[in-house]
PDB file of all heavy atoms in Angstrom:
ATOM      1  N   THR A   1      63.177 119.634  54.855  1.00  0.00           N
ATOM      2  CA  THR A   1      64.511 119.561  55.411  1.00  0.00           C
ATOM      3  C   THR A   1      64.812 120.761  56.339  1.00  0.00           C
ATOM      4  O   THR A   1      63.994 121.834  56.226  1.00  0.00           O
ATOM      5  CB  THR A   1      65.661 119.465  54.401  1.00  0.00           C
ATOM      6  OG1 THR A   1      66.848 119.094  55.004  1.00  0.00           O
ATOM      7  CG2 THR A   1      65.820 120.845  53.730  1.00  0.00           C
ATOM      8  N   ASP A   2      65.663 120.790  57.147  1.00  0.00           N
ATOM      9  CA  ASP A   2      66.227 121.867  57.967  1.00  0.00           C
ATOM     10  C   ASP A   2      67.277 122.498  57.261  1.00  0.00           C
ATOM     11  O   ASP A   2      68.381 122.040  57.184  1.00  0.00           O
ATOM     12  CB  ASP A   2      66.671 121.361  59.481  1.00  0.00           C
ATOM     13  CG  ASP A   2      66.970 122.465  60.256  1.00  0.00           C
ATOM     14  OD1 ASP A   2      67.171 123.641  59.823  1.00  0.00           O
ATOM     15  OD2 ASP A   2      67.160 122.311  61.601  1.00  0.00           O
ATOM     16  N   LEU A   3      67.031 123.791  56.631  1.00  0.00           N
ATOM     17  CA  LEU A   3      68.054 124.403  55.874  1.00  0.00           C
ATOM     18  C   LEU A   3      69.119 124.997  56.681  1.00  0.00           C
ATOM     19  O   LEU A   3      70.143 125.439  56.013  1.00  0.00           O
ATOM     20  CB  LEU A   3      67.252 125.516  54.959  1.00  0.00           C
ATOM     21  CG  LEU A   3      66.277 124.856  54.018  1.00  0.00           C
ATOM     22  CD1 LEU A   3      65.374 126.143  53.523  1.00  0.00           C
ATOM     23  CD2 LEU A   3      67.091 124.365  52.876  1.00  0.00           C
ATOM     24  N   SER A   4      69.002 125.091  57.919  1.00  0.00           N
ATOM     25  CA  SER A   4      70.148 125.642  58.771  1.00  0.00           C
ATOM     26  C   SER A   4      71.244 124.642  58.977  1.00  0.00           C
ATOM     27  O   SER A   4      72.372 125.033  59.369  1.00  0.00           O
ATOM     28  CB  SER A   4      69.623 126.049  60.097  1.00  0.00           C
ATOM     29  OG  SER A   4      69.319 124.854  60.832  1.00  0.00           O
ATOM     30  N   ILE A   5      71.073 123.412  58.527  1.00  0.00           N
ATOM     31  CA  ILE A   5      72.146 122.292  58.657  1.00  0.00           C
ATOM     32  C   ILE A   5      72.706 122.063  57.368  1.00  0.00           C
ATOM     33  O   ILE A   5      72.092 121.526  56.476  1.00  0.00           O
ATOM     34  CB  ILE A   5      71.493 121.024  59.258  1.00  0.00           C
ATOM     35  CG1 ILE A   5      70.847 121.236  60.598  1.00  0.00           C
ATOM     36  CG2 ILE A   5      72.619 120.019  59.460  1.00  0.00           C
ATOM     37  CD1 ILE A   5      71.641 121.884  61.756  1.00  0.00           C
ATOM     38  N   LEU A   6      73.978 122.445  57.183  1.00  0.00           N
ATOM     39  CA  LEU A   6      74.601 122.483  55.874  1.00  0.00           C
ATOM     40  C   LEU A   6      74.675 120.997  55.211  1.00  0.00           C
ATOM     41  O   LEU A   6      74.523 120.830  53.983  1.00  0.00           O
ATOM     42  CB  LEU A   6      75.927 123.027  55.805  1.00  0.00           C
ATOM     43  CG  LEU A   6      75.922 124.616  56.212  1.00  0.00           C
ATOM     44  CD1 LEU A   6      77.372 125.170  56.101  1.00  0.00           C
ATOM     45  CD2 LEU A   6      75.003 125.417  55.440  1.00  0.00           C
ATOM     46  N   LYS A   7      74.944 120.050  56.138  1.00  0.00           N
ATOM     47  CA  LYS A   7      75.030 118.674  55.676  1.00  0.00           C
ATOM     48  C   LYS A   7      73.735 118.160  55.128  1.00  0.00           C
ATOM     49  O   LYS A   7      73.717 117.171  54.465  1.00  0.00           O
ATOM     50  CB  LYS A   7      75.487 117.709  56.728  1.00  0.00           C
ATOM     51  CG  LYS A   7      74.662 117.549  57.930  1.00  0.00           C
ATOM     52  CD  LYS A   7      75.174 116.657  59.046  1.00  0.00           C
ATOM     53  CE  LYS A   7      74.221 116.382  60.206  1.00  0.00           C
ATOM     54  NZ  LYS A   7      74.878 115.625  61.191  1.00  0.00           N
ATOM     55  N   ASN A   8      72.576 118.823  55.355  1.00  0.00           N
ATOM     56  CA  ASN A   8      71.405 118.484  54.732  1.00  0.00           C
ATOM     57  C   ASN A   8      71.222 118.791  53.183  1.00  0.00           C
ATOM     58  O   ASN A   8      70.325 118.353  52.533  1.00  0.00           O
ATOM     59  CB  ASN A   8      70.136 119.111  55.543  1.00  0.00           C
ATOM     60  CG  ASN A   8      69.893 118.499  56.819  1.00  0.00           C
ATOM     61  OD1 ASN A   8      70.471 117.551  57.138  1.00  0.00           O
ATOM     62  ND2 ASN A   8      69.090 119.223  57.727  1.00  0.00           N
ATOM     63  N   ILE A   9      71.959 119.924  52.845  1.00  0.00           N
ATOM     64  CA  ILE A   9      71.814 120.430  51.522  1.00  0.00           C
ATOM     65  C   ILE A   9      72.279 119.434  50.351  1.00  0.00           C
ATOM     66  O   ILE A   9      71.536 119.362  49.454  1.00  0.00           O
ATOM     67  CB  ILE A   9      72.612 121.779  51.410  1.00  0.00           C
ATOM     68  CG1 ILE A   9      72.178 122.687  52.556  1.00  0.00           C
ATOM     69  CG2 ILE A   9      72.354 122.394  50.036  1.00  0.00           C
ATOM     70  CD1 ILE A   9      70.770 123.117  52.566  1.00  0.00           C
ATOM     71  N   PRO A  10      73.407 118.820  50.438  1.00  0.00           N
ATOM     72  CA  PRO A  10      73.763 117.839  49.363  1.00  0.00           C
ATOM     73  C   PRO A  10      72.792 116.707  49.142  1.00  0.00           C
ATOM     74  O   PRO A  10      72.313 116.603  47.904  1.00  0.00           O
ATOM     75  CB  PRO A  10      75.093 117.288  49.840  1.00  0.00           C
ATOM     76  CG  PRO A  10      75.703 118.339  50.646  1.00  0.00           C
ATOM     77  CD  PRO A  10      74.513 118.975  51.383  1.00  0.00           C
ATOM     78  N   PRO A  11      72.189 116.092  50.084  1.00  0.00           N
ATOM     79  CA  PRO A  11      71.157 115.035  49.747  1.00  0.00           C
ATOM     80  C   PRO A  11      69.882 115.685  49.269  1.00  0.00           C
ATOM     81  O   PRO A  11      69.089 115.079  48.561  1.00  0.00           O
ATOM     82  CB  PRO A  11      70.917 114.302  51.157  1.00  0.00           C
ATOM     83  CG  PRO A  11      71.534 115.178  52.232  1.00  0.00           C
ATOM     84  CD  PRO A  11      72.670 115.907  51.482  1.00  0.00           C
ATOM     85  N   LEU A  12      69.545 116.904  49.807  1.00  0.00           N
ATOM     86  CA  LEU A  12      68.429 117.650  49.384  1.00  0.00           C
ATOM     87  C   LEU A  12      68.524 117.935  47.831  1.00  0.00           C
ATOM     88  O   LEU A  12      67.575 117.711  47.085  1.00  0.00           O
ATOM     89  CB  LEU A  12      68.232 118.935  50.020  1.00  0.00           C
ATOM     90  CG  LEU A  12      67.135 119.929  49.573  1.00  0.00           C
ATOM     91  CD1 LEU A  12      65.769 119.432  49.760  1.00  0.00           C
ATOM     92  CD2 LEU A  12      67.318 121.337  50.209  1.00  0.00           C
ATOM     93  N   VAL A  13      69.617 118.381  47.370  1.00  0.00           N
ATOM     94  CA  VAL A  13      69.904 118.633  45.887  1.00  0.00           C
ATOM     95  C   VAL A  13      69.712 117.358  45.168  1.00  0.00           C
ATOM     96  O   VAL A  13      69.158 117.331  44.010  1.00  0.00           O
ATOM     97  CB  VAL A  13      71.242 119.391  45.729  1.00  0.00           C
ATOM     98  CG1 VAL A  13      71.445 119.321  44.264  1.00  0.00           C
ATOM     99  CG2 VAL A  13      71.172 120.753  46.325  1.00  0.00           C
ATOM    100  N   GLU A  14      70.366 116.199  45.547  1.00  0.00           N
ATOM    101  CA  GLU A  14      70.215 115.002  44.950  1.00  0.00           C
ATOM    102  C   GLU A  14      68.711 114.546  44.666  1.00  0.00           C
ATOM    103  O   GLU A  14      68.248 114.091  43.628  1.00  0.00           O
ATOM    104  CB  GLU A  14      70.895 113.951  45.723  1.00  0.00           C
ATOM    105  CG  GLU A  14      72.355 114.073  45.664  1.00  0.00           C
ATOM    106  CD  GLU A  14      73.248 112.998  46.481  1.00  0.00           C
ATOM    107  OE1 GLU A  14      72.391 112.004  46.958  1.00  0.00           O
ATOM    108  OE2 GLU A  14      74.388 113.088  46.643  1.00  0.00           O
ATOM    109  N   LYS A  15      67.908 114.835  45.698  1.00  0.00           N
ATOM    110  CA  LYS A  15      66.497 114.388  45.693  1.00  0.00           C
ATOM    111  C   LYS A  15      65.774 115.399  44.613  1.00  0.00           C
ATOM    112  O   LYS A  15      64.922 114.873  43.935  1.00  0.00           O
ATOM    113  CB  LYS A  15      65.783 114.584  46.956  1.00  0.00           C
ATOM    114  CG  LYS A  15      66.242 113.586  48.139  1.00  0.00           C
ATOM    115  CD  LYS A  15      65.537 113.822  49.350  1.00  0.00           C
ATOM    116  CE  LYS A  15      66.028 112.856  50.489  1.00  0.00           C
ATOM    117  NZ  LYS A  15      65.413 113.110  51.750  1.00  0.00           N
ATOM    118  N   ILE A  16      66.118 116.649  44.603  1.00  0.00           N
ATOM    119  CA  ILE A  16      65.608 117.566  43.596  1.00  0.00           C
ATOM    120  C   ILE A  16      65.822 117.144  42.203  1.00  0.00           C
ATOM    121  O   ILE A  16      64.942 117.023  41.371  1.00  0.00           O
ATOM    122  CB  ILE A  16      66.024 119.056  43.843  1.00  0.00           C
ATOM    123  CG1 ILE A  16      65.522 119.526  45.130  1.00  0.00           C
ATOM    124  CG2 ILE A  16      65.555 119.925  42.641  1.00  0.00           C
ATOM    125  CD1 ILE A  16      66.165 120.822  45.499  1.00  0.00           C
ATOM    126  N   LYS A  17      67.109 116.717  41.942  1.00  0.00           N
ATOM    127  CA  LYS A  17      67.440 116.305  40.607  1.00  0.00           C
ATOM    128  C   LYS A  17      66.976 114.857  40.256  1.00  0.00           C
ATOM    129  O   LYS A  17      66.861 114.658  38.999  1.00  0.00           O
ATOM    130  CB  LYS A  17      69.115 116.277  40.507  1.00  0.00           C
ATOM    131  CG  LYS A  17      69.690 117.686  40.609  1.00  0.00           C
ATOM    132  CD  LYS A  17      71.180 117.742  40.341  1.00  0.00           C
ATOM    133  CE  LYS A  17      71.620 119.099  40.271  1.00  0.00           C
ATOM    134  NZ  LYS A  17      73.255 119.243  40.110  1.00  0.00           N
ATOM    135  N   LEU A  18      66.609 114.105  41.142  1.00  0.00           N
ATOM    136  CA  LEU A  18      65.843 112.952  40.835  1.00  0.00           C
ATOM    137  C   LEU A  18      64.355 113.208  40.418  1.00  0.00           C
ATOM    138  O   LEU A  18      63.859 112.507  39.634  1.00  0.00           O
ATOM    139  CB  LEU A  18      65.774 112.016  42.088  1.00  0.00           C
ATOM    140  CG  LEU A  18      67.076 111.266  42.427  1.00  0.00           C
ATOM    141  CD1 LEU A  18      66.947 110.569  43.728  1.00  0.00           C
ATOM    142  CD2 LEU A  18      67.499 110.359  41.338  1.00  0.00           C
ATOM    143  N   GLN A  19      63.894 114.324  40.896  1.00  0.00           N
ATOM    144  CA  GLN A  19      62.506 114.635  40.625  1.00  0.00           C
ATOM    145  C   GLN A  19      62.394 115.582  39.305  1.00  0.00           C
ATOM    146  O   GLN A  19      61.443 115.472  38.589  1.00  0.00           O
ATOM    147  CB  GLN A  19      61.785 115.335  41.766  1.00  0.00           C
ATOM    148  CG  GLN A  19      61.610 114.433  42.963  1.00  0.00           C
ATOM    149  CD  GLN A  19      60.616 115.137  44.045  1.00  0.00           C
ATOM    150  OE1 GLN A  19      59.653 115.752  43.548  1.00  0.00           O
ATOM    151  NE2 GLN A  19      60.910 114.881  45.250  1.00  0.00           N
ATOM    152  N   PHE A  20      63.402 116.447  39.203  1.00  0.00           N
ATOM    153  CA  PHE A  20      63.326 117.406  37.994  1.00  0.00           C
ATOM    154  C   PHE A  20      64.545 117.089  37.232  1.00  0.00           C
ATOM    155  O   PHE A  20      65.777 117.214  37.671  1.00  0.00           O
ATOM    156  CB  PHE A  20      63.473 118.864  38.595  1.00  0.00           C
ATOM    157  CG  PHE A  20      62.182 119.444  39.083  1.00  0.00           C
ATOM    158  CD1 PHE A  20      60.970 118.669  38.937  1.00  0.00           C
ATOM    159  CD2 PHE A  20      62.118 120.818  39.595  1.00  0.00           C
ATOM    160  CE1 PHE A  20      59.723 119.267  39.452  1.00  0.00           C
ATOM    161  CE2 PHE A  20      60.900 121.346  39.971  1.00  0.00           C
ATOM    162  CZ  PHE A  20      59.684 120.570  39.923  1.00  0.00           C
ATOM    163  N   ASP A  21      64.367 116.868  35.839  1.00  0.00           N
ATOM    164  CA  ASP A  21      65.490 116.613  34.987  1.00  0.00           C
ATOM    165  C   ASP A  21      66.139 117.957  34.554  1.00  0.00           C
ATOM    166  O   ASP A  21      67.117 117.935  33.826  1.00  0.00           O
ATOM    167  CB  ASP A  21      64.984 115.815  33.696  1.00  0.00           C
ATOM    168  CG  ASP A  21      63.925 116.430  33.056  1.00  0.00           C
ATOM    169  OD1 ASP A  21      63.279 117.543  33.486  1.00  0.00           O
ATOM    170  OD2 ASP A  21      63.382 115.837  31.896  1.00  0.00           O
ATOM    171  N   GLU A  22      65.486 119.058  34.785  1.00  0.00           N
ATOM    172  CA  GLU A  22      66.044 120.327  34.644  1.00  0.00           C
ATOM    173  C   GLU A  22      65.337 121.271  35.658  1.00  0.00           C
ATOM    174  O   GLU A  22      64.275 121.081  36.230  1.00  0.00           O
ATOM    175  CB  GLU A  22      65.793 120.741  33.147  1.00  0.00           C
ATOM    176  CG  GLU A  22      64.317 121.045  32.822  1.00  0.00           C
ATOM    177  CD  GLU A  22      63.971 121.641  31.428  1.00  0.00           C
ATOM    178  OE1 GLU A  22      65.077 122.100  30.865  1.00  0.00           O
ATOM    179  OE2 GLU A  22      62.941 121.573  31.001  1.00  0.00           O
ATOM    180  N   VAL A  23      65.978 122.497  35.749  1.00  0.00           N
ATOM    181  CA  VAL A  23      65.491 123.520  36.673  1.00  0.00           C
ATOM    182  C   VAL A  23      65.536 124.795  35.913  1.00  0.00           C
ATOM    183  O   VAL A  23      66.605 125.291  35.533  1.00  0.00           O
ATOM    184  CB  VAL A  23      66.195 123.553  38.098  1.00  0.00           C
ATOM    185  CG1 VAL A  23      65.674 124.789  38.938  1.00  0.00           C
ATOM    186  CG2 VAL A  23      65.869 122.270  38.818  1.00  0.00           C
ATOM    187  N   ASN A  24      64.430 125.526  35.804  1.00  0.00           N
ATOM    188  CA  ASN A  24      64.362 126.869  35.117  1.00  0.00           C
ATOM    189  C   ASN A  24      64.575 127.990  36.092  1.00  0.00           C
ATOM    190  O   ASN A  24      65.081 128.974  35.625  1.00  0.00           O
ATOM    191  CB  ASN A  24      63.119 126.977  34.381  1.00  0.00           C
ATOM    192  CG  ASN A  24      62.886 125.814  33.311  1.00  0.00           C
ATOM    193  OD1 ASN A  24      62.025 124.919  33.516  1.00  0.00           O
ATOM    194  ND2 ASN A  24      63.858 125.696  32.389  1.00  0.00           N
ATOM    195  N   PHE A  25      63.982 127.878  37.265  1.00  0.00           N
ATOM    196  CA  PHE A  25      64.110 128.978  38.236  1.00  0.00           C
ATOM    197  C   PHE A  25      64.446 128.543  39.672  1.00  0.00           C
ATOM    198  O   PHE A  25      63.800 127.437  39.927  1.00  0.00           O
ATOM    199  CB  PHE A  25      62.801 129.723  38.238  1.00  0.00           C
ATOM    200  CG  PHE A  25      62.323 130.448  37.050  1.00  0.00           C
ATOM    201  CD1 PHE A  25      61.643 129.959  36.075  1.00  0.00           C
ATOM    202  CD2 PHE A  25      62.891 131.880  36.899  1.00  0.00           C
ATOM    203  CE1 PHE A  25      61.382 130.626  34.868  1.00  0.00           C
ATOM    204  CE2 PHE A  25      62.563 132.525  35.600  1.00  0.00           C
ATOM    205  CZ  PHE A  25      61.740 131.907  34.712  1.00  0.00           C
ATOM    206  N   ILE A  26      65.266 129.210  40.351  1.00  0.00           N
ATOM    207  CA  ILE A  26      65.470 128.872  41.783  1.00  0.00           C
ATOM    208  C   ILE A  26      65.177 130.208  42.448  1.00  0.00           C
ATOM    209  O   ILE A  26      65.699 131.245  42.157  1.00  0.00           O
ATOM    210  CB  ILE A  26      66.928 128.532  42.017  1.00  0.00           C
ATOM    211  CG1 ILE A  26      67.320 127.209  41.328  1.00  0.00           C
ATOM    212  CG2 ILE A  26      67.229 128.433  43.605  1.00  0.00           C
ATOM    213  CD1 ILE A  26      68.710 126.845  41.319  1.00  0.00           C
ATOM    214  N   VAL A  27      64.329 130.105  43.542  1.00  0.00           N
ATOM    215  CA  VAL A  27      63.920 131.251  44.360  1.00  0.00           C
ATOM    216  C   VAL A  27      64.251 130.968  45.795  1.00  0.00           C
ATOM    217  O   VAL A  27      63.812 129.887  46.317  1.00  0.00           O
ATOM    218  CB  VAL A  27      62.425 131.687  44.260  1.00  0.00           C
ATOM    219  CG1 VAL A  27      62.150 132.829  44.963  1.00  0.00           C
ATOM    220  CG2 VAL A  27      62.105 131.804  42.696  1.00  0.00           C
ATOM    221  N   HIS A  28      65.030 131.808  46.493  1.00  0.00           N
ATOM    222  CA  HIS A  28      65.351 131.628  47.938  1.00  0.00           C
ATOM    223  C   HIS A  28      64.478 132.665  48.649  1.00  0.00           C
ATOM    224  O   HIS A  28      64.629 133.908  48.617  1.00  0.00           O
ATOM    225  CB  HIS A  28      66.773 131.977  48.132  1.00  0.00           C
ATOM    226  CG  HIS A  28      67.722 130.911  47.637  1.00  0.00           C
ATOM    227  ND1 HIS A  28      68.098 129.773  48.229  1.00  0.00           N
ATOM    228  CD2 HIS A  28      68.466 130.784  46.372  1.00  0.00           C
ATOM    229  CE1 HIS A  28      68.919 129.056  47.528  1.00  0.00           C
ATOM    230  NE2 HIS A  28      69.111 129.714  46.442  1.00  0.00           N
ATOM    231  N   THR A  29      63.630 132.040  49.516  1.00  0.00           N
ATOM    232  CA  THR A  29      62.845 132.998  50.405  1.00  0.00           C
ATOM    233  C   THR A  29      62.962 132.540  51.910  1.00  0.00           C
ATOM    234  O   THR A  29      62.351 133.191  52.807  1.00  0.00           O
ATOM    235  CB  THR A  29      61.301 132.923  49.990  1.00  0.00           C
ATOM    236  OG1 THR A  29      60.858 131.647  50.281  1.00  0.00           O
ATOM    237  CG2 THR A  29      61.104 133.360  48.635  1.00  0.00           C
ATOM    238  N   ALA A  30      63.710 131.474  52.141  1.00  0.00           N
ATOM    239  CA  ALA A  30      63.819 130.948  53.579  1.00  0.00           C
ATOM    240  C   ALA A  30      64.420 132.051  54.400  1.00  0.00           C
ATOM    241  O   ALA A  30      65.511 132.710  54.071  1.00  0.00           O
ATOM    242  CB  ALA A  30      64.683 129.699  53.627  1.00  0.00           C
ATOM    243  N   ASP A  31      63.889 132.236  55.655  1.00  0.00           N
ATOM    244  CA  ASP A  31      64.336 133.220  56.500  1.00  0.00           C
ATOM    245  C   ASP A  31      64.052 132.790  57.932  1.00  0.00           C
ATOM    246  O   ASP A  31      63.297 131.952  58.254  1.00  0.00           O
ATOM    247  CB  ASP A  31      63.700 134.623  56.285  1.00  0.00           C
ATOM    248  CG  ASP A  31      64.429 135.781  56.767  1.00  0.00           C
ATOM    249  OD1 ASP A  31      65.498 135.538  57.407  1.00  0.00           O
ATOM    250  OD2 ASP A  31      64.041 136.941  56.461  1.00  0.00           O
ATOM    251  N   ILE A  32      64.662 133.511  58.873  1.00  0.00           N
ATOM    252  CA  ILE A  32      64.490 133.288  60.415  1.00  0.00           C
ATOM    253  C   ILE A  32      64.732 134.645  61.040  1.00  0.00           C
ATOM    254  O   ILE A  32      65.602 135.399  60.521  1.00  0.00           O
ATOM    255  CB  ILE A  32      65.378 132.204  60.860  1.00  0.00           C
ATOM    256  CG1 ILE A  32      65.009 131.911  62.352  1.00  0.00           C
ATOM    257  CG2 ILE A  32      66.727 132.645  60.786  1.00  0.00           C
ATOM    258  CD1 ILE A  32      65.681 130.751  62.948  1.00  0.00           C
ATOM    259  N   LEU A  33      63.968 134.975  62.007  1.00  0.00           N
ATOM    260  CA  LEU A  33      64.005 136.257  62.723  1.00  0.00           C
ATOM    261  C   LEU A  33      63.972 135.852  64.218  1.00  0.00           C
ATOM    262  O   LEU A  33      62.915 135.439  64.778  1.00  0.00           O
ATOM    263  CB  LEU A  33      63.009 137.199  62.283  1.00  0.00           C
ATOM    264  CG  LEU A  33      63.259 138.737  62.635  1.00  0.00           C
ATOM    265  CD1 LEU A  33      64.466 139.147  62.038  1.00  0.00           C
ATOM    266  CD2 LEU A  33      62.018 139.509  62.158  1.00  0.00           C
TER     267      LEU A  33
END
């Protein structure tokens, strides 16, 4: 997904929760320069 577009985030999270029934760690490394 393109993380710079906020409207992409809700469907992204829905897809994650369909794949993972729980999440133990979240790590944010996305960046742009």
